[in-house]
Amino acid sequence: ILSRFIEPWMTEQALANLSLTGSMLIFCVGVNLIWEKKFKVANMLPT
C-alpha cells in the first residue's frame, strides 16, 4: 500500500533497476539456503 505513494517516481527504468536488484537479492537468498549464509542479504536492502 505504501509503495503507491512513490509511484510517480517509479519510471520504466526505475522499475527495471528494481526488478534487477530484486533478482540479485533473490539469488543471494538462494545461495544462503544452499550454502548456509554466505551473503548478508539484509545489509543489501538499501540497494
PDB file of all heavy atoms in Angstrom:
ATOM      1  N   ILE A   1       0.829  -1.212   0.000  1.00  0.00           N
ATOM      2  CA  ILE A   1       0.000   0.000   0.000  1.00  0.00           C
ATOM      3  C   ILE A   1       0.859   1.255   0.000  1.00  0.00           C
ATOM      4  O   ILE A   1       0.602   2.205  -0.750  1.00  0.00           O
ATOM      5  CB  ILE A   1      -0.951  -0.022   1.219  1.00  0.00           C
ATOM      6  CG1 ILE A   1      -1.939  -1.188   1.084  1.00  0.00           C
ATOM      7  CG2 ILE A   1      -1.694   1.303   1.346  1.00  0.00           C
ATOM      8  CD1 ILE A   1      -2.800  -1.399   2.311  1.00  0.00           C
ATOM      9  N   LEU A   2       1.903   1.272   0.834  1.00  0.00           N
ATOM     10  CA  LEU A   2       2.765   2.439   0.911  1.00  0.00           C
ATOM     11  C   LEU A   2       3.517   2.681  -0.391  1.00  0.00           C
ATOM     12  O   LEU A   2       3.865   3.823  -0.715  1.00  0.00           O
ATOM     13  CB  LEU A   2       3.758   2.284   2.065  1.00  0.00           C
ATOM     14  CG  LEU A   2       3.175   2.323   3.481  1.00  0.00           C
ATOM     15  CD1 LEU A   2       4.247   2.028   4.512  1.00  0.00           C
ATOM     16  CD2 LEU A   2       2.537   3.691   3.760  1.00  0.00           C
ATOM     17  N   SER A   3       3.780   1.607  -1.145  1.00  0.00           N
ATOM     18  CA  SER A   3       4.505   1.772  -2.401  1.00  0.00           C
ATOM     19  C   SER A   3       3.711   2.584  -3.420  1.00  0.00           C
ATOM     20  O   SER A   3       4.288   3.124  -4.367  1.00  0.00           O
ATOM     21  CB  SER A   3       4.850   0.388  -2.975  1.00  0.00           C
ATOM     22  OG  SER A   3       3.670  -0.328  -3.302  1.00  0.00           O
ATOM     23  N   ARG A   4       2.399   2.691  -3.230  1.00  0.00           N
ATOM     24  CA  ARG A   4       1.577   3.507  -4.123  1.00  0.00           C
ATOM     25  C   ARG A   4       1.982   4.985  -4.081  1.00  0.00           C
ATOM     26  O   ARG A   4       1.857   5.708  -5.075  1.00  0.00           O
ATOM     27  CB  ARG A   4       0.101   3.360  -3.742  1.00  0.00           C
ATOM     28  CG  ARG A   4      -0.471   1.942  -3.877  1.00  0.00           C
ATOM     29  CD  ARG A   4      -0.792   1.621  -5.282  1.00  0.00           C
ATOM     30  NE  ARG A   4      -1.441   0.310  -5.402  1.00  0.00           N
ATOM     31  CZ  ARG A   4      -1.819  -0.216  -6.575  1.00  0.00           C
ATOM     32  NH1 ARG A   4      -1.616   0.447  -7.702  1.00  0.00           N
ATOM     33  NH2 ARG A   4      -2.379  -1.419  -6.585  1.00  0.00           N
ATOM     34  N   PHE A   5       2.441   5.453  -2.936  1.00  0.00           N
ATOM     35  CA  PHE A   5       2.789   6.861  -2.780  1.00  0.00           C
ATOM     36  C   PHE A   5       4.062   7.243  -3.524  1.00  0.00           C
ATOM     37  O   PHE A   5       4.283   8.411  -3.815  1.00  0.00           O
ATOM     38  CB  PHE A   5       2.933   7.203  -1.295  1.00  0.00           C
ATOM     39  CG  PHE A   5       1.651   7.068  -0.523  1.00  0.00           C
ATOM     40  CD1 PHE A   5       1.386   5.939   0.224  1.00  0.00           C
ATOM     41  CD2 PHE A   5       0.688   8.074  -0.571  1.00  0.00           C
ATOM     42  CE1 PHE A   5       0.192   5.811   0.935  1.00  0.00           C
ATOM     43  CE2 PHE A   5      -0.511   7.941   0.135  1.00  0.00           C
ATOM     44  CZ  PHE A   5      -0.759   6.817   0.884  1.00  0.00           C
ATOM     45  N   ILE A   6       4.906   6.261  -3.807  1.00  0.00           N
ATOM     46  CA  ILE A   6       6.141   6.571  -4.539  1.00  0.00           C
ATOM     47  C   ILE A   6       6.015   6.234  -6.013  1.00  0.00           C
ATOM     48  O   ILE A   6       7.004   6.303  -6.750  1.00  0.00           O
ATOM     49  CB  ILE A   6       7.329   5.813  -3.919  1.00  0.00           C
ATOM     50  CG1 ILE A   6       7.131   4.288  -4.035  1.00  0.00           C
ATOM     51  CG2 ILE A   6       7.541   6.211  -2.480  1.00  0.00           C
ATOM     52  CD1 ILE A   6       8.358   3.496  -3.585  1.00  0.00           C
ATOM     53  N   GLU A   7       4.816   5.895  -6.454  1.00  0.00           N
ATOM     54  CA  GLU A   7       4.614   5.518  -7.855  1.00  0.00           C
ATOM     55  C   GLU A   7       5.022   6.609  -8.838  1.00  0.00           C
ATOM     56  O   GLU A   7       5.564   6.315  -9.910  1.00  0.00           O
ATOM     57  CB  GLU A   7       3.152   5.112  -8.069  1.00  0.00           C
ATOM     58  CG  GLU A   7       2.879   4.561  -9.455  1.00  0.00           C
ATOM     59  CD  GLU A   7       1.457   4.063  -9.613  1.00  0.00           C
ATOM     60  OE1 GLU A   7       0.664   4.175  -8.653  1.00  0.00           O
ATOM     61  OE2 GLU A   7       1.137   3.552 -10.712  1.00  0.00           O
ATOM     62  N   PRO A   8       4.818   7.933  -8.543  1.00  0.00           N
ATOM     63  CA  PRO A   8       5.234   8.965  -9.518  1.00  0.00           C
ATOM     64  C   PRO A   8       6.718   8.938  -9.835  1.00  0.00           C
ATOM     65  O   PRO A   8       7.123   9.364 -10.913  1.00  0.00           O
ATOM     66  CB  PRO A   8       4.830  10.275  -8.826  1.00  0.00           C
ATOM     67  CG  PRO A   8       3.712   9.898  -7.905  1.00  0.00           C
ATOM     68  CD  PRO A   8       4.053   8.529  -7.429  1.00  0.00           C
ATOM     69  N   TRP A   9       7.529   8.484  -8.913  1.00  0.00           N
ATOM     70  CA  TRP A   9       8.969   8.464  -9.164  1.00  0.00           C
ATOM     71  C   TRP A   9       9.438   7.149  -9.800  1.00  0.00           C
ATOM     72  O   TRP A   9      10.601   7.023 -10.142  1.00  0.00           O
ATOM     73  CB  TRP A   9       9.730   8.675  -7.855  1.00  0.00           C
ATOM     74  CG  TRP A   9       9.558  10.050  -7.277  1.00  0.00           C
ATOM     75  CD1 TRP A   9      10.194  11.191  -7.615  1.00  0.00           C
ATOM     76  CD2 TRP A   9       8.633  10.393  -6.247  1.00  0.00           C
ATOM     77  NE1 TRP A   9       9.752  12.245  -6.870  1.00  0.00           N
ATOM     78  CE2 TRP A   9       8.776  11.785  -6.009  1.00  0.00           C
ATOM     79  CE3 TRP A   9       7.683   9.694  -5.480  1.00  0.00           C
ATOM     80  CZ2 TRP A   9       8.013  12.462  -5.072  1.00  0.00           C
ATOM     81  CZ3 TRP A   9       6.931  10.381  -4.553  1.00  0.00           C
ATOM     82  CH2 TRP A   9       7.106  11.737  -4.339  1.00  0.00           C
ATOM     83  N   MET A  10       8.505   6.195  -9.899  1.00  0.00           N
ATOM     84  CA  MET A  10       8.865   4.880 -10.437  1.00  0.00           C
ATOM     85  C   MET A  10       8.699   4.859 -11.948  1.00  0.00           C
ATOM     86  O   MET A  10       7.692   4.447 -12.499  1.00  0.00           O
ATOM     87  CB  MET A  10       8.029   3.789  -9.771  1.00  0.00           C
ATOM     88  CG  MET A  10       8.224   3.701  -8.271  1.00  0.00           C
ATOM     89  SD  MET A  10       9.927   3.435  -7.785  1.00  0.00           S
ATOM     90  CE  MET A  10      10.228   1.828  -8.470  1.00  0.00           C
ATOM     91  N   THR A  11       9.757   5.334 -12.639  1.00  0.00           N
ATOM     92  CA  THR A  11       9.761   5.309 -14.093  1.00  0.00           C
ATOM     93  C   THR A  11       9.993   3.883 -14.594  1.00  0.00           C
ATOM     94  O   THR A  11      10.220   2.956 -13.815  1.00  0.00           O
ATOM     95  CB  THR A  11      10.841   6.246 -14.622  1.00  0.00           C
ATOM     96  OG1 THR A  11      12.127   5.770 -14.168  1.00  0.00           O
ATOM     97  CG2 THR A  11      10.612   7.675 -14.119  1.00  0.00           C
ATOM     98  N   GLU A  12       9.951   3.781 -15.932  1.00  0.00           N
ATOM     99  CA  GLU A  12      10.203   2.454 -16.514  1.00  0.00           C
ATOM    100  C   GLU A  12      11.601   1.942 -16.187  1.00  0.00           C
ATOM    101  O   GLU A  12      11.820   0.777 -15.890  1.00  0.00           O
ATOM    102  CB  GLU A  12      10.041   2.573 -18.044  1.00  0.00           C
ATOM    103  CG  GLU A  12       9.516   1.359 -18.669  1.00  0.00           C
ATOM    104  CD  GLU A  12       9.255   1.504 -20.151  1.00  0.00           C
ATOM    105  OE1 GLU A  12       8.353   2.244 -20.512  1.00  0.00           O
ATOM    106  OE2 GLU A  12       9.994   0.866 -20.900  1.00  0.00           O
ATOM    107  N   GLN A  13      12.595   2.865 -16.201  1.00  0.00           N
ATOM    108  CA  GLN A  13      13.963   2.496 -15.892  1.00  0.00           C
ATOM    109  C   GLN A  13      14.105   2.145 -14.414  1.00  0.00           C
ATOM    110  O   GLN A  13      14.828   1.212 -14.046  1.00  0.00           O
ATOM    111  CB  GLN A  13      14.912   3.660 -16.236  1.00  0.00           C
ATOM    112  CG  GLN A  13      16.397   3.331 -16.034  1.00  0.00           C
ATOM    113  CD  GLN A  13      16.866   2.206 -16.937  1.00  0.00           C
ATOM    114  OE1 GLN A  13      16.514   2.160 -18.113  1.00  0.00           O
ATOM    115  NE2 GLN A  13      17.650   1.273 -16.397  1.00  0.00           N
ATOM    116  N   ALA A  14      13.375   2.874 -13.547  1.00  0.00           N
ATOM    117  CA  ALA A  14      13.430   2.594 -12.122  1.00  0.00           C
ATOM    118  C   ALA A  14      12.855   1.211 -11.817  1.00  0.00           C
ATOM    119  O   ALA A  14      13.394   0.468 -10.986  1.00  0.00           O
ATOM    120  CB  ALA A  14      12.684   3.665 -11.340  1.00  0.00           C
ATOM    121  N   LEU A  15      11.756   0.864 -12.482  1.00  0.00           N
ATOM    122  CA  LEU A  15      11.168  -0.458 -12.300  1.00  0.00           C
ATOM    123  C   LEU A  15      12.115  -1.550 -12.778  1.00  0.00           C
ATOM    124  O   LEU A  15      12.225  -2.620 -12.167  1.00  0.00           O
ATOM    125  CB  LEU A  15       9.826  -0.550 -13.031  1.00  0.00           C
ATOM    126  CG  LEU A  15       8.675   0.250 -12.435  1.00  0.00           C
ATOM    127  CD1 LEU A  15       7.450   0.186 -13.348  1.00  0.00           C
ATOM    128  CD2 LEU A  15       8.319  -0.292 -11.053  1.00  0.00           C
ATOM    129  N   ALA A  16      12.800  -1.274 -13.900  1.00  0.00           N
ATOM    130  CA  ALA A  16      13.762  -2.253 -14.413  1.00  0.00           C
ATOM    131  C   ALA A  16      14.920  -2.442 -13.437  1.00  0.00           C
ATOM    132  O   ALA A  16      15.353  -3.568 -13.176  1.00  0.00           O
ATOM    133  CB  ALA A  16      14.278  -1.808 -15.774  1.00  0.00           C
ATOM    134  N   ASN A  17      15.417  -1.305 -12.901  1.00  0.00           N
ATOM    135  CA  ASN A  17      16.505  -1.391 -11.917  1.00  0.00           C
ATOM    136  C   ASN A  17      16.045  -2.139 -10.661  1.00  0.00           C
ATOM    137  O   ASN A  17      16.789  -2.939 -10.081  1.00  0.00           O
ATOM    138  CB  ASN A  17      16.985   0.006 -11.542  1.00  0.00           C
ATOM    139  CG  ASN A  17      17.713   0.689 -12.680  1.00  0.00           C
ATOM    140  OD1 ASN A  17      17.971   0.091 -13.728  1.00  0.00           O
ATOM    141  ND2 ASN A  17      18.028   1.976 -12.509  1.00  0.00           N
ATOM    142  N   LEU A  18      14.795  -1.858 -10.225  1.00  0.00           N
ATOM    143  CA  LEU A  18      14.258  -2.510  -9.040  1.00  0.00           C
ATOM    144  C   LEU A  18      14.107  -4.017  -9.264  1.00  0.00           C
ATOM    145  O   LEU A  18      14.404  -4.828  -8.377  1.00  0.00           O
ATOM    146  CB  LEU A  18      12.906  -1.897  -8.668  1.00  0.00           C
ATOM    147  CG  LEU A  18      12.259  -2.408  -7.371  1.00  0.00           C
ATOM    148  CD1 LEU A  18      13.132  -2.056  -6.181  1.00  0.00           C
ATOM    149  CD2 LEU A  18      10.869  -1.793  -7.208  1.00  0.00           C
ATOM    150  N   SER A  19      13.648  -4.390 -10.463  1.00  0.00           N
ATOM    151  CA  SER A  19      13.488  -5.804 -10.780  1.00  0.00           C
ATOM    152  C   SER A  19      14.831  -6.520 -10.803  1.00  0.00           C
ATOM    153  O   SER A  19      14.970  -7.638 -10.296  1.00  0.00           O
ATOM    154  CB  SER A  19      12.787  -5.949 -12.129  1.00  0.00           C
ATOM    155  OG  SER A  19      12.660  -7.305 -12.493  1.00  0.00           O
ATOM    156  N   LEU A  20      15.867  -5.863 -11.401  1.00  0.00           N
ATOM    157  CA  LEU A  20      17.202  -6.445 -11.434  1.00  0.00           C
ATOM    158  C   LEU A  20      17.771  -6.601 -10.033  1.00  0.00           C
ATOM    159  O   LEU A  20      18.347  -7.643  -9.692  1.00  0.00           O
ATOM    160  CB  LEU A  20      18.120  -5.577 -12.291  1.00  0.00           C
ATOM    161  CG  LEU A  20      19.591  -6.022 -12.380  1.00  0.00           C
ATOM    162  CD1 LEU A  20      19.694  -7.414 -13.009  1.00  0.00           C
ATOM    163  CD2 LEU A  20      20.418  -5.005 -13.182  1.00  0.00           C
ATOM    164  N   THR A  21      17.590  -5.566  -9.212  1.00  0.00           N
ATOM    165  CA  THR A  21      18.080  -5.633  -7.835  1.00  0.00           C
ATOM    166  C   THR A  21      17.385  -6.748  -7.066  1.00  0.00           C
ATOM    167  O   THR A  21      18.020  -7.502  -6.318  1.00  0.00           O
ATOM    168  CB  THR A  21      17.855  -4.293  -7.126  1.00  0.00           C
ATOM    169  OG1 THR A  21      18.494  -3.252  -7.876  1.00  0.00           O
ATOM    170  CG2 THR A  21      18.419  -4.326  -5.717  1.00  0.00           C
ATOM    171  N   GLY A  22      16.073  -6.848  -7.237  1.00  0.00           N
ATOM    172  CA  GLY A  22      15.328  -7.905  -6.571  1.00  0.00           C
ATOM    173  C   GLY A  22      15.789  -9.288  -6.984  1.00  0.00           C
ATOM    174  O   GLY A  22      15.904 -10.198  -6.153  1.00  0.00           O
ATOM    175  N   SER A  23      16.085  -9.460  -8.291  1.00  0.00           N
ATOM    176  CA  SER A  23      16.560 -10.753  -8.773  1.00  0.00           C
ATOM    177  C   SER A  23      17.906 -11.115  -8.148  1.00  0.00           C
ATOM    178  O   SER A  23      18.151 -12.263  -7.779  1.00  0.00           O
ATOM    179  CB  SER A  23      16.684 -10.726 -10.292  1.00  0.00           C
ATOM    180  OG  SER A  23      15.430 -10.466 -10.904  1.00  0.00           O
ATOM    181  N   MET A  24      18.781 -10.119  -8.011  1.00  0.00           N
ATOM    182  CA  MET A  24      20.084 -10.355  -7.403  1.00  0.00           C
ATOM    183  C   MET A  24      19.942 -10.730  -5.927  1.00  0.00           C
ATOM    184  O   MET A  24      20.623 -11.627  -5.427  1.00  0.00           O
ATOM    185  CB  MET A  24      20.971  -9.125  -7.559  1.00  0.00           C
ATOM    186  CG  MET A  24      21.338  -8.802  -9.006  1.00  0.00           C
ATOM    187  SD  MET A  24      22.262  -7.258  -9.172  1.00  0.00           S
ATOM    188  CE  MET A  24      23.747  -7.671  -8.273  1.00  0.00           C
ATOM    189  N   LEU A  25      19.035 -10.064  -5.227  1.00  0.00           N
ATOM    190  CA  LEU A  25      18.813 -10.378  -3.821  1.00  0.00           C
ATOM    191  C   LEU A  25      18.218 -11.773  -3.654  1.00  0.00           C
ATOM    192  O   LEU A  25      18.570 -12.508  -2.726  1.00  0.00           O
ATOM    193  CB  LEU A  25      17.894  -9.326  -3.184  1.00  0.00           C
ATOM    194  CG  LEU A  25      18.474  -7.913  -3.068  1.00  0.00           C
ATOM    195  CD1 LEU A  25      17.440  -6.955  -2.484  1.00  0.00           C
ATOM    196  CD2 LEU A  25      19.725  -7.901  -2.203  1.00  0.00           C
ATOM    197  N   ILE A  26      17.296 -12.137  -4.563  1.00  0.00           N
ATOM    198  CA  ILE A  26      16.711 -13.482  -4.515  1.00  0.00           C
ATOM    199  C   ILE A  26      17.791 -14.536  -4.746  1.00  0.00           C
ATOM    200  O   ILE A  26      17.819 -15.586  -4.099  1.00  0.00           O
ATOM    201  CB  ILE A  26      15.582 -13.613  -5.553  1.00  0.00           C
ATOM    202  CG1 ILE A  26      14.411 -12.710  -5.170  1.00  0.00           C
ATOM    203  CG2 ILE A  26      15.111 -15.058  -5.649  1.00  0.00           C
ATOM    204  CD1 ILE A  26      13.338 -12.656  -6.246  1.00  0.00           C
ATOM    205  N   PHE A  27      18.708 -14.253  -5.688  1.00  0.00           N
ATOM    206  CA  PHE A  27      19.816 -15.169  -5.945  1.00  0.00           C
ATOM    207  C   PHE A  27      20.667 -15.355  -4.687  1.00  0.00           C
ATOM    208  O   PHE A  27      21.053 -16.480  -4.343  1.00  0.00           O
ATOM    209  CB  PHE A  27      20.675 -14.636  -7.089  1.00  0.00           C
ATOM    210  CG  PHE A  27      21.937 -15.423  -7.320  1.00  0.00           C
ATOM    211  CD1 PHE A  27      21.896 -16.642  -7.982  1.00  0.00           C
ATOM    212  CD2 PHE A  27      23.165 -14.954  -6.866  1.00  0.00           C
ATOM    213  CE1 PHE A  27      23.059 -17.389  -8.186  1.00  0.00           C
ATOM    214  CE2 PHE A  27      24.326 -15.681  -7.071  1.00  0.00           C
ATOM    215  CZ  PHE A  27      24.275 -16.896  -7.725  1.00  0.00           C
ATOM    216  N   CYS A  28      20.942 -14.264  -3.993  1.00  0.00           N
ATOM    217  CA  CYS A  28      21.728 -14.345  -2.764  1.00  0.00           C
ATOM    218  C   CYS A  28      20.997 -15.150  -1.694  1.00  0.00           C
ATOM    219  O   CYS A  28      21.615 -15.917  -0.956  1.00  0.00           O
ATOM    220  CB  CYS A  28      22.046 -12.946  -2.250  1.00  0.00           C
ATOM    221  SG  CYS A  28      23.149 -12.002  -3.326  1.00  0.00           S
ATOM    222  N   VAL A  29      19.676 -14.974  -1.607  1.00  0.00           N
ATOM    223  CA  VAL A  29      18.890 -15.756  -0.659  1.00  0.00           C
ATOM    224  C   VAL A  29      18.977 -17.236  -0.984  1.00  0.00           C
ATOM    225  O   VAL A  29      19.117 -18.088  -0.097  1.00  0.00           O
ATOM    226  CB  VAL A  29      17.422 -15.280  -0.654  1.00  0.00           C
ATOM    227  CG1 VAL A  29      16.562 -16.232   0.182  1.00  0.00           C
ATOM    228  CG2 VAL A  29      17.311 -13.876  -0.097  1.00  0.00           C
ATOM    229  N   GLY A  30      18.888 -17.576  -2.265  1.00  0.00           N
ATOM    230  CA  GLY A  30      19.006 -18.972  -2.677  1.00  0.00           C
ATOM    231  C   GLY A  30      20.359 -19.565  -2.328  1.00  0.00           C
ATOM    232  O   GLY A  30      20.449 -20.714  -1.879  1.00  0.00           O
ATOM    233  N   VAL A  31      21.435 -18.775  -2.531  1.00  0.00           N
ATOM    234  CA  VAL A  31      22.775 -19.231  -2.152  1.00  0.00           C
ATOM    235  C   VAL A  31      22.863 -19.478  -0.652  1.00  0.00           C
ATOM    236  O   VAL A  31      23.451 -20.457  -0.191  1.00  0.00           O
ATOM    237  CB  VAL A  31      23.830 -18.205  -2.604  1.00  0.00           C
ATOM    238  CG1 VAL A  31      25.205 -18.569  -2.044  1.00  0.00           C
ATOM    239  CG2 VAL A  31      23.893 -18.125  -4.116  1.00  0.00           C
ATOM    240  N   ASN A  32      22.249 -18.596   0.128  1.00  0.00           N
ATOM    241  CA  ASN A  32      22.262 -18.765   1.579  1.00  0.00           C
ATOM    242  C   ASN A  32      21.528 -20.027   2.017  1.00  0.00           C
ATOM    243  O   ASN A  32      21.928 -20.696   2.968  1.00  0.00           O
ATOM    244  CB  ASN A  32      21.639 -17.547   2.259  1.00  0.00           C
ATOM    245  CG  ASN A  32      22.498 -16.308   2.112  1.00  0.00           C
ATOM    246  OD1 ASN A  32      23.661 -16.393   1.728  1.00  0.00           O
ATOM    247  ND2 ASN A  32      21.948 -15.150   2.421  1.00  0.00           N
ATOM    248  N   LEU A  33      20.444 -20.356   1.333  1.00  0.00           N
ATOM    249  CA  LEU A  33      19.680 -21.547   1.685  1.00  0.00           C
ATOM    250  C   LEU A  33      20.466 -22.821   1.395  1.00  0.00           C
ATOM    251  O   LEU A  33      20.324 -23.828   2.095  1.00  0.00           O
ATOM    252  CB  LEU A  33      18.346 -21.576   0.935  1.00  0.00           C
ATOM    253  CG  LEU A  33      17.314 -20.517   1.341  1.00  0.00           C
ATOM    254  CD1 LEU A  33      16.098 -20.574   0.426  1.00  0.00           C
ATOM    255  CD2 LEU A  33      16.882 -20.712   2.794  1.00  0.00           C
ATOM    256  N   ILE A  34      21.318 -22.771   0.363  1.00  0.00           N
ATOM    257  CA  ILE A  34      22.068 -23.965  -0.036  1.00  0.00           C
ATOM    258  C   ILE A  34      23.380 -24.071   0.718  1.00  0.00           C
ATOM    259  O   ILE A  34      23.737 -25.142   1.213  1.00  0.00           O
ATOM    260  CB  ILE A  34      22.309 -23.957  -1.559  1.00  0.00           C
ATOM    261  CG1 ILE A  34      20.964 -23.955  -2.313  1.00  0.00           C
ATOM    262  CG2 ILE A  34      23.155 -25.152  -1.970  1.00  0.00           C
ATOM    263  CD1 ILE A  34      21.108 -23.803  -3.811  1.00  0.00           C
ATOM    264  N   TRP A  35      24.104 -22.953   0.843  1.00  0.00           N
ATOM    265  CA  TRP A  35      25.440 -22.976   1.441  1.00  0.00           C
ATOM    266  C   TRP A  35      25.513 -22.271   2.784  1.00  0.00           C
ATOM    267  O   TRP A  35      26.574 -21.882   3.225  1.00  0.00           O
ATOM    268  CB  TRP A  35      26.450 -22.350   0.475  1.00  0.00           C
ATOM    269  CG  TRP A  35      26.764 -23.234  -0.667  1.00  0.00           C
ATOM    270  CD1 TRP A  35      27.474 -24.386  -0.634  1.00  0.00           C
ATOM    271  CD2 TRP A  35      26.372 -23.054  -2.034  1.00  0.00           C
ATOM    272  NE1 TRP A  35      27.547 -24.938  -1.877  1.00  0.00           N
ATOM    273  CE2 TRP A  35      26.888 -24.142  -2.769  1.00  0.00           C
ATOM    274  CE3 TRP A  35      25.653 -22.080  -2.723  1.00  0.00           C
ATOM    275  CZ2 TRP A  35      26.687 -24.286  -4.135  1.00  0.00           C
ATOM    276  CZ3 TRP A  35      25.455 -22.220  -4.078  1.00  0.00           C
ATOM    277  CH2 TRP A  35      25.964 -23.300  -4.774  1.00  0.00           C
ATOM    278  N   GLU A  36      24.410 -22.091   3.457  1.00  0.00           N
ATOM    279  CA  GLU A  36      24.367 -21.600   4.826  1.00  0.00           C
ATOM    280  C   GLU A  36      25.009 -20.211   5.007  1.00  0.00           C
ATOM    281  O   GLU A  36      26.107 -20.080   5.570  1.00  0.00           O
ATOM    282  CB  GLU A  36      25.025 -22.604   5.777  1.00  0.00           C
ATOM    283  CG  GLU A  36      24.345 -23.959   5.792  1.00  0.00           C
ATOM    284  CD  GLU A  36      24.986 -24.908   6.780  1.00  0.00           C
ATOM    285  OE1 GLU A  36      25.990 -24.513   7.392  1.00  0.00           O
ATOM    286  OE2 GLU A  36      24.473 -26.026   6.928  1.00  0.00           O
ATOM    287  N   LYS A  37      24.279 -19.211   4.539  1.00  0.00           N
ATOM    288  CA  LYS A  37      24.591 -17.812   4.835  1.00  0.00           C
ATOM    289  C   LYS A  37      25.981 -17.368   4.406  1.00  0.00           C
ATOM    290  O   LYS A  37      26.882 -17.189   5.234  1.00  0.00           O
ATOM    291  CB  LYS A  37      24.386 -17.531   6.318  1.00  0.00           C
ATOM    292  CG  LYS A  37      22.960 -17.749   6.802  1.00  0.00           C
ATOM    293  CD  LYS A  37      22.828 -17.397   8.259  1.00  0.00           C
ATOM    294  CE  LYS A  37      21.384 -17.584   8.708  1.00  0.00           C
ATOM    295  NZ  LYS A  37      21.196 -17.253  10.146  1.00  0.00           N
ATOM    296  N   LYS A  38      26.140 -17.262   3.107  1.00  0.00           N
ATOM    297  CA  LYS A  38      27.370 -16.721   2.558  1.00  0.00           C
ATOM    298  C   LYS A  38      27.247 -15.226   2.306  1.00  0.00           C
ATOM    299  O   LYS A  38      28.224 -14.505   2.334  1.00  0.00           O
ATOM    300  CB  LYS A  38      27.738 -17.444   1.256  1.00  0.00           C
ATOM    301  CG  LYS A  38      27.978 -18.947   1.417  1.00  0.00           C
ATOM    302  CD  LYS A  38      29.171 -19.235   2.274  1.00  0.00           C
ATOM    303  CE  LYS A  38      29.409 -20.745   2.356  1.00  0.00           C
ATOM    304  NZ  LYS A  38      30.560 -21.093   3.185  1.00  0.00           N
ATOM    305  N   PHE A  39      26.023 -14.756   2.057  1.00  0.00           N
ATOM    306  CA  PHE A  39      25.757 -13.344   1.795  1.00  0.00           C
ATOM    307  C   PHE A  39      24.900 -12.764   2.917  1.00  0.00           C
ATOM    308  O   PHE A  39      23.945 -13.390   3.364  1.00  0.00           O
ATOM    309  CB  PHE A  39      25.031 -13.150   0.461  1.00  0.00           C
ATOM    310  CG  PHE A  39      25.842 -13.575  -0.733  1.00  0.00           C
ATOM    311  CD1 PHE A  39      25.569 -14.762  -1.387  1.00  0.00           C
ATOM    312  CD2 PHE A  39      26.873 -12.792  -1.204  1.00  0.00           C
ATOM    313  CE1 PHE A  39      26.315 -15.157  -2.484  1.00  0.00           C
ATOM    314  CE2 PHE A  39      27.625 -13.187  -2.289  1.00  0.00           C
ATOM    315  CZ  PHE A  39      27.348 -14.370  -2.929  1.00  0.00           C
ATOM    316  N   LYS A  40      25.219 -11.565   3.349  1.00  0.00           N
ATOM    317  CA  LYS A  40      24.396 -10.846   4.319  1.00  0.00           C
ATOM    318  C   LYS A  40      23.370 -10.028   3.553  1.00  0.00           C
ATOM    319  O   LYS A  40      23.555  -8.847   3.275  1.00  0.00           O
ATOM    320  CB  LYS A  40      25.265  -9.965   5.213  1.00  0.00           C
ATOM    321  CG  LYS A  40      26.243 -10.763   6.071  1.00  0.00           C
ATOM    322  CD  LYS A  40      27.059  -9.864   6.982  1.00  0.00           C
ATOM    323  CE  LYS A  40      28.001 -10.674   7.847  1.00  0.00           C
ATOM    324  NZ  LYS A  40      28.829  -9.812   8.752  1.00  0.00           N
ATOM    325  N   VAL A  41      22.254 -10.676   3.211  1.00  0.00           N
ATOM    326  CA  VAL A  41      21.256 -10.068   2.329  1.00  0.00           C
ATOM    327  C   VAL A  41      20.597  -8.869   2.985  1.00  0.00           C
ATOM    328  O   VAL A  41      20.249  -7.887   2.319  1.00  0.00           O
ATOM    329  CB  VAL A  41      20.192 -11.123   1.943  1.00  0.00           C
ATOM    330  CG1 VAL A  41      19.180 -10.528   0.974  1.00  0.00           C
ATOM    331  CG2 VAL A  41      20.856 -12.333   1.303  1.00  0.00           C
ATOM    332  N   ALA A  42      20.405  -8.917   4.294  1.00  0.00           N
ATOM    333  CA  ALA A  42      19.765  -7.791   4.983  1.00  0.00           C
ATOM    334  C   ALA A  42      20.565  -6.504   4.808  1.00  0.00           C
ATOM    335  O   ALA A  42      19.989  -5.413   4.720  1.00  0.00           O
ATOM    336  CB  ALA A  42      19.596  -8.121   6.463  1.00  0.00           C
ATOM    337  N   ASN A  43      21.891  -6.613   4.746  1.00  0.00           N
ATOM    338  CA  ASN A  43      22.730  -5.430   4.546  1.00  0.00           C
ATOM    339  C   ASN A  43      22.626  -4.874   3.135  1.00  0.00           C
ATOM    340  O   ASN A  43      23.048  -3.741   2.873  1.00  0.00           O
ATOM    341  CB  ASN A  43      24.187  -5.749   4.869  1.00  0.00           C
ATOM    342  CG  ASN A  43      24.401  -6.132   6.325  1.00  0.00           C
ATOM    343  OD1 ASN A  43      23.573  -5.806   7.183  1.00  0.00           O
ATOM    344  ND2 ASN A  43      25.497  -6.803   6.624  1.00  0.00           N
ATOM    345  N   MET A  44      22.074  -5.679   2.208  1.00  0.00           N
ATOM    346  CA  MET A  44      21.942  -5.252   0.820  1.00  0.00           C
ATOM    347  C   MET A  44      20.620  -4.559   0.523  1.00  0.00           C
ATOM    348  O   MET A  44      20.402  -4.077  -0.586  1.00  0.00           O
ATOM    349  CB  MET A  44      22.087  -6.451  -0.119  1.00  0.00           C
ATOM    350  CG  MET A  44      23.400  -7.207   0.022  1.00  0.00           C
ATOM    351  SD  MET A  44      23.466  -8.634  -1.100  1.00  0.00           S
ATOM    352  CE  MET A  44      24.990  -9.402  -0.583  1.00  0.00           C
ATOM    353  N   LEU A  45      19.705  -4.495   1.503  1.00  0.00           N
ATOM    354  CA  LEU A  45      18.388  -3.894   1.260  1.00  0.00           C
ATOM    355  C   LEU A  45      18.463  -2.425   0.826  1.00  0.00           C
ATOM    356  O   LEU A  45      17.623  -1.975   0.035  1.00  0.00           O
ATOM    357  CB  LEU A  45      17.511  -4.034   2.510  1.00  0.00           C
ATOM    358  CG  LEU A  45      17.016  -5.449   2.826  1.00  0.00           C
ATOM    359  CD1 LEU A  45      16.236  -5.465   4.127  1.00  0.00           C
ATOM    360  CD2 LEU A  45      16.148  -5.977   1.690  1.00  0.00           C
ATOM    361  N   PRO A  46      19.414  -1.617   1.296  1.00  0.00           N
ATOM    362  CA  PRO A  46      19.496  -0.223   0.801  1.00  0.00           C
ATOM    363  C   PRO A  46      19.693  -0.118  -0.699  1.00  0.00           C
ATOM    364  O   PRO A  46      19.430   0.951  -1.286  1.00  0.00           O
ATOM    365  CB  PRO A  46      20.706   0.339   1.564  1.00  0.00           C
ATOM    366  CG  PRO A  46      20.771  -0.459   2.829  1.00  0.00           C
ATOM    367  CD  PRO A  46      20.339  -1.832   2.432  1.00  0.00           C
ATOM    368  N   THR A  47      20.145  -1.195  -1.356  1.00  0.00           N
ATOM    369  CA  THR A  47      20.310  -1.142  -2.808  1.00  0.00           C
ATOM    370  C   THR A  47      18.980  -0.930  -3.525  1.00  0.00           C
ATOM    371  O   THR A  47      18.959  -0.476  -4.680  1.00  0.00           O
ATOM    372  CB  THR A  47      20.965  -2.433  -3.328  1.00  0.00           C
ATOM    373  OG1 THR A  47      20.166  -3.571  -2.941  1.00  0.00           O
ATOM    374  CG2 THR A  47      22.367  -2.588  -2.775  1.00  0.00           C
TER     375      THR A  47
END
